[in-house]
PDB file of N, CA and C in Angstrom:
ATOM      1  N   MET A   1     -20.390   5.100  34.351  1.00  0.00           N
ATOM      2  CA  MET A   1     -20.128   4.311  33.172  1.00  0.00           C
ATOM      3  C   MET A   1     -18.628   4.389  32.886  1.00  0.00           C
ATOM      4  N   ASP A   2     -18.014   3.260  32.595  1.00  0.00           N
ATOM      5  CA  ASP A   2     -16.586   3.196  32.294  1.00  0.00           C
ATOM      6  C   ASP A   2     -16.402   2.928  30.808  1.00  0.00           C
ATOM      7  N   LEU A   3     -15.731   3.833  30.100  1.00  0.00           N
ATOM      8  CA  LEU A   3     -15.498   3.687  28.666  1.00  0.00           C
ATOM      9  C   LEU A   3     -14.022   3.458  28.383  1.00  0.00           C
ATOM     10  N   SER A   4     -13.418   2.592  29.174  1.00  0.00           N
ATOM     11  CA  SER A   4     -12.003   2.283  28.983  1.00  0.00           C
ATOM     12  C   SER A   4     -11.795   1.526  27.679  1.00  0.00           C
ATOM     13  N   GLN A   5     -10.592   1.670  27.134  1.00  0.00           N
ATOM     14  CA  GLN A   5     -10.247   0.987  25.897  1.00  0.00           C
ATOM     15  C   GLN A   5     -10.190  -0.517  26.128  1.00  0.00           C
ATOM     16  N   VAL A   6     -10.691  -1.260  25.157  1.00  0.00           N
ATOM     17  CA  VAL A   6     -10.648  -2.718  25.203  1.00  0.00           C
ATOM     18  C   VAL A   6      -9.763  -3.198  24.057  1.00  0.00           C
ATOM     19  N   VAL A   7      -8.840  -4.096  24.359  1.00  0.00           N
ATOM     20  CA  VAL A   7      -7.958  -4.665  23.342  1.00  0.00           C
ATOM     21  C   VAL A   7      -8.258  -6.152  23.258  1.00  0.00           C
ATOM     22  N   LEU A   8      -8.472  -6.633  22.051  1.00  0.00           N
ATOM     23  CA  LEU A   8      -8.805  -8.039  21.831  1.00  0.00           C
ATOM     24  C   LEU A   8      -7.834  -8.620  20.819  1.00  0.00           C
ATOM     25  N   ASP A   9      -7.090  -9.611  21.231  1.00  0.00           N
ATOM     26  CA  ASP A   9      -6.172 -10.316  20.329  1.00  0.00           C
ATOM     27  C   ASP A   9      -6.796 -11.643  19.930  1.00  0.00           C
ATOM     28  N   ILE A  10      -6.916 -11.872  18.623  1.00  0.00           N
ATOM     29  CA  ILE A  10      -7.494 -13.108  18.105  1.00  0.00           C
ATOM     30  C   ILE A  10      -6.451 -13.800  17.250  1.00  0.00           C
ATOM     31  N   THR A  11      -6.263 -15.077  17.482  1.00  0.00           N
ATOM     32  CA  THR A  11      -5.336 -15.880  16.703  1.00  0.00           C
ATOM     33  C   THR A  11      -6.143 -16.894  15.906  1.00  0.00           C
ATOM     34  N   ALA A  12      -5.877 -16.972  14.606  1.00  0.00           N
ATOM     35  CA  ALA A  12      -6.599 -17.898  13.746  1.00  0.00           C
ATOM     36  C   ALA A  12      -5.599 -18.690  12.916  1.00  0.00           C
ATOM     37  N   GLN A  13      -5.961 -19.926  12.642  1.00  0.00           N
ATOM     38  CA  GLN A  13      -5.118 -20.780  11.808  1.00  0.00           C
ATOM     39  C   GLN A  13      -5.893 -21.190  10.570  1.00  0.00           C
ATOM     40  N   GLN A  14      -5.260 -20.967   9.414  1.00  0.00           N
ATOM     41  CA  GLN A  14      -5.863 -21.380   8.160  1.00  0.00           C
ATOM     42  C   GLN A  14      -5.586 -22.854   7.923  1.00  0.00           C
ATOM     43  N   GLY A  15      -6.433 -23.479   7.121  1.00  0.00           N
ATOM     44  CA  GLY A  15      -6.192 -24.858   6.740  1.00  0.00           C
ATOM     45  C   GLY A  15      -7.487 -25.596   6.503  1.00  0.00           C
ATOM     46  N   ALA A  16      -7.345 -26.772   5.959  1.00  0.00           N
ATOM     47  CA  ALA A  16      -8.510 -27.616   5.669  1.00  0.00           C
ATOM     48  C   ALA A  16      -9.253 -27.934   6.958  1.00  0.00           C
ATOM     49  N   GLY A  17     -10.559 -27.728   6.946  1.00  0.00           N
ATOM     50  CA  GLY A  17     -11.383 -28.039   8.105  1.00  0.00           C
ATOM     51  C   GLY A  17     -11.416 -26.942   9.154  1.00  0.00           C
ATOM     52  N   ASN A  18     -10.708 -25.861   8.951  1.00  0.00           N
ATOM     53  CA  ASN A  18     -10.698 -24.747   9.906  1.00  0.00           C
ATOM     54  C   ASN A  18     -11.549 -23.603   9.367  1.00  0.00           C
ATOM     55  N   LEU A  19     -12.830 -23.820   9.317  1.00  0.00           N
ATOM     56  CA  LEU A  19     -13.744 -22.853   8.707  1.00  0.00           C
ATOM     57  C   LEU A  19     -13.655 -21.487   9.371  1.00  0.00           C
ATOM     58  N   LEU A  20     -13.729 -21.435  10.675  1.00  0.00           N
ATOM     59  CA  LEU A  20     -13.679 -20.160  11.379  1.00  0.00           C
ATOM     60  C   LEU A  20     -12.312 -19.496  11.209  1.00  0.00           C
ATOM     61  N   GLY A  21     -11.255 -20.259  11.292  1.00  0.00           N
ATOM     62  CA  GLY A  21      -9.912 -19.719  11.097  1.00  0.00           C
ATOM     63  C   GLY A  21      -9.734 -19.160   9.705  1.00  0.00           C
ATOM     64  N   ASN A  22     -10.220 -19.864   8.702  1.00  0.00           N
ATOM     65  CA  ASN A  22     -10.139 -19.388   7.319  1.00  0.00           C
ATOM     66  C   ASN A  22     -10.933 -18.090   7.144  1.00  0.00           C
ATOM     67  N   LEU A  23     -12.105 -18.025   7.756  1.00  0.00           N
ATOM     68  CA  LEU A  23     -12.945 -16.831   7.653  1.00  0.00           C
ATOM     69  C   LEU A  23     -12.266 -15.637   8.318  1.00  0.00           C
ATOM     70  N   LEU A  24     -11.732 -15.827   9.513  1.00  0.00           N
ATOM     71  CA  LEU A  24     -11.062 -14.739  10.218  1.00  0.00           C
ATOM     72  C   LEU A  24      -9.831 -14.250   9.461  1.00  0.00           C
ATOM     73  N   CYS A  25      -9.081 -15.160   8.887  1.00  0.00           N
ATOM     74  CA  CYS A  25      -7.899 -14.770   8.106  1.00  0.00           C
ATOM     75  C   CYS A  25      -8.304 -13.997   6.860  1.00  0.00           C
ATOM     76  N   ALA A  26      -9.396 -14.395   6.228  1.00  0.00           N
ATOM     77  CA  ALA A  26      -9.875 -13.689   5.037  1.00  0.00           C
ATOM     78  C   ALA A  26     -10.328 -12.275   5.391  1.00  0.00           C
ATOM     79  N   VAL A  27     -11.047 -12.124   6.497  1.00  0.00           N
ATOM     80  CA  VAL A  27     -11.510 -10.803   6.925  1.00  0.00           C
ATOM     81  C   VAL A  27     -10.322  -9.924   7.280  1.00  0.00           C
ATOM     82  N   THR A  28      -9.340 -10.491   7.950  1.00  0.00           N
ATOM     83  CA  THR A  28      -8.139  -9.731   8.298  1.00  0.00           C
ATOM     84  C   THR A  28      -7.431  -9.254   7.042  1.00  0.00           C
ATOM     85  N   GLY A  29      -7.354 -10.097   6.033  1.00  0.00           N
ATOM     86  CA  GLY A  29      -6.732  -9.713   4.777  1.00  0.00           C
ATOM     87  C   GLY A  29      -7.453  -8.560   4.111  1.00  0.00           C
ATOM     88  N   LEU A  30      -8.784  -8.542   4.214  1.00  0.00           N
ATOM     89  CA  LEU A  30      -9.560  -7.443   3.636  1.00  0.00           C
ATOM     90  C   LEU A  30      -9.276  -6.131   4.346  1.00  0.00           C
ATOM     91  N   LEU A  31      -9.123  -6.211   5.657  1.00  0.00           N
ATOM     92  CA  LEU A  31      -8.885  -4.994   6.436  1.00  0.00           C
ATOM     93  C   LEU A  31      -7.464  -4.488   6.280  1.00  0.00           C
ATOM     94  N   ASP A  32      -6.534  -5.370   5.917  1.00  0.00           N
ATOM     95  CA  ASP A  32      -5.138  -4.976   5.753  1.00  0.00           C
ATOM     96  C   ASP A  32      -4.899  -4.189   4.470  1.00  0.00           C
ATOM     97  N   SER A  33      -5.644  -4.512   3.424  1.00  0.00           N
ATOM     98  CA  SER A  33      -5.401  -3.850   2.134  1.00  0.00           C
ATOM     99  C   SER A  33      -6.306  -2.634   1.996  1.00  0.00           C
ATOM    100  N   PRO A  34      -5.756  -1.508   1.552  1.00  0.00           N
ATOM    101  CA  PRO A  34      -6.589  -0.317   1.376  1.00  0.00           C
ATOM    102  C   PRO A  34      -7.656  -0.557   0.307  1.00  0.00           C
ATOM    103  N   GLY A  35      -8.868  -0.275   0.646  1.00  0.00           N
ATOM    104  CA  GLY A  35      -9.959  -0.444  -0.306  1.00  0.00           C
ATOM    105  C   GLY A  35     -10.466  -1.872  -0.418  1.00  0.00           C
ATOM    106  N   GLY A  36      -9.873  -2.809   0.301  1.00  0.00           N
ATOM    107  CA  GLY A  36     -10.276  -4.213   0.193  1.00  0.00           C
ATOM    108  C   GLY A  36     -11.707  -4.448   0.629  1.00  0.00           C
ATOM    109  N   LEU A  37     -12.075  -3.879   1.767  1.00  0.00           N
ATOM    110  CA  LEU A  37     -13.424  -4.066   2.282  1.00  0.00           C
ATOM    111  C   LEU A  37     -14.446  -3.362   1.403  1.00  0.00           C
ATOM    112  N   SER A  38     -14.139  -2.151   0.957  1.00  0.00           N
ATOM    113  CA  SER A  38     -15.087  -1.443   0.094  1.00  0.00           C
ATOM    114  C   SER A  38     -15.245  -2.150  -1.243  1.00  0.00           C
ATOM    115  N   ARG A  39     -14.163  -2.738  -1.754  1.00  0.00           N
ATOM    116  CA  ARG A  39     -14.241  -3.494  -3.015  1.00  0.00           C
ATOM    117  C   ARG A  39     -15.170  -4.700  -2.852  1.00  0.00           C
ATOM    118  N   LEU A  40     -15.043  -5.405  -1.727  1.00  0.00           N
ATOM    119  CA  LEU A  40     -15.907  -6.558  -1.471  1.00  0.00           C
ATOM    120  C   LEU A  40     -17.364  -6.136  -1.350  1.00  0.00           C
ATOM    121  N   LEU A  41     -17.620  -5.057  -0.611  1.00  0.00           N
ATOM    122  CA  LEU A  41     -19.001  -4.589  -0.449  1.00  0.00           C
ATOM    123  C   LEU A  41     -19.600  -4.154  -1.782  1.00  0.00           C
ATOM    124  N   ASN A  42     -18.808  -3.524  -2.635  1.00  0.00           N
ATOM    125  CA  ASN A  42     -19.300  -3.138  -3.957  1.00  0.00           C
ATOM    126  C   ASN A  42     -19.623  -4.360  -4.818  1.00  0.00           C
ATOM    127  N   GLN A  43     -18.824  -5.406  -4.695  1.00  0.00           N
ATOM    128  CA  GLN A  43     -19.114  -6.640  -5.422  1.00  0.00           C
ATOM    129  C   GLN A  43     -20.414  -7.273  -4.935  1.00  0.00           C
ATOM    130  N   ILE A  44     -20.617  -7.272  -3.622  1.00  0.00           N
ATOM    131  CA  ILE A  44     -21.856  -7.826  -3.063  1.00  0.00           C
ATOM    132  C   ILE A  44     -23.061  -7.012  -3.529  1.00  0.00           C
ATOM    133  N   LEU A  45     -22.935  -5.690  -3.513  1.00  0.00           N
ATOM    134  CA  LEU A  45     -24.032  -4.849  -4.007  1.00  0.00           C
ATOM    135  C   LEU A  45     -24.339  -5.099  -5.463  1.00  0.00           C
ATOM    136  N   GLY A  46     -23.296  -5.309  -6.263  1.00  0.00           N
ATOM    137  CA  GLY A  46     -23.494  -5.603  -7.678  1.00  0.00           C
ATOM    138  C   GLY A  46     -24.259  -6.890  -7.893  1.00  0.00           C
ATOM    139  N   VAL A  47     -23.940  -7.893  -7.097  1.00  0.00           N
ATOM    140  CA  VAL A  47     -24.660  -9.169  -7.198  1.00  0.00           C
ATOM    141  C   VAL A  47     -26.103  -9.004  -6.768  1.00  0.00           C
ATOM    142  N   LEU A  48     -26.334  -8.284  -5.679  1.00  0.00           N
ATOM    143  CA  LEU A  48     -27.699  -8.088  -5.189  1.00  0.00           C
ATOM    144  C   LEU A  48     -28.550  -7.279  -6.162  1.00  0.00           C
ATOM    145  N   GLN A  49     -27.940  -6.312  -6.844  1.00  0.00           N
ATOM    146  CA  GLN A  49     -28.685  -5.514  -7.812  1.00  0.00           C
ATOM    147  C   GLN A  49     -29.067  -6.336  -9.046  1.00  0.00           C
ATOM    148  N   GLY A  50     -28.289  -7.359  -9.331  1.00  0.00           N
ATOM    149  CA  GLY A  50     -28.571  -8.216 -10.477  1.00  0.00           C
ATOM    150  C   GLY A  50     -29.679  -9.222 -10.221  1.00  0.00           C
ATOM    151  N   LEU A  51     -30.142  -9.337  -8.984  1.00  0.00           N
ATOM    152  CA  LEU A  51     -31.188 -10.320  -8.660  1.00  0.00           C
ATOM    153  C   LEU A  51     -32.563  -9.840  -9.054  1.00  0.00           C
TER     154      LEU A  51
END
C-alpha cells in the first residue's frame, strides 16, 4: 500500500452563473478564517434544533 502525499490545486472563479465556483470560494473563505467553519456548523445546529 502506498500512502504518499497527494496535493490538489483547485481554481475557482466567482461570479454570476458560477454556482460551483461561488461555493468553492465560500468554503475556502470559511477555512481561511479561524473559527469560521465551527461558527457555520453551530449556526446550522441552531437551525436544526429549532425545527
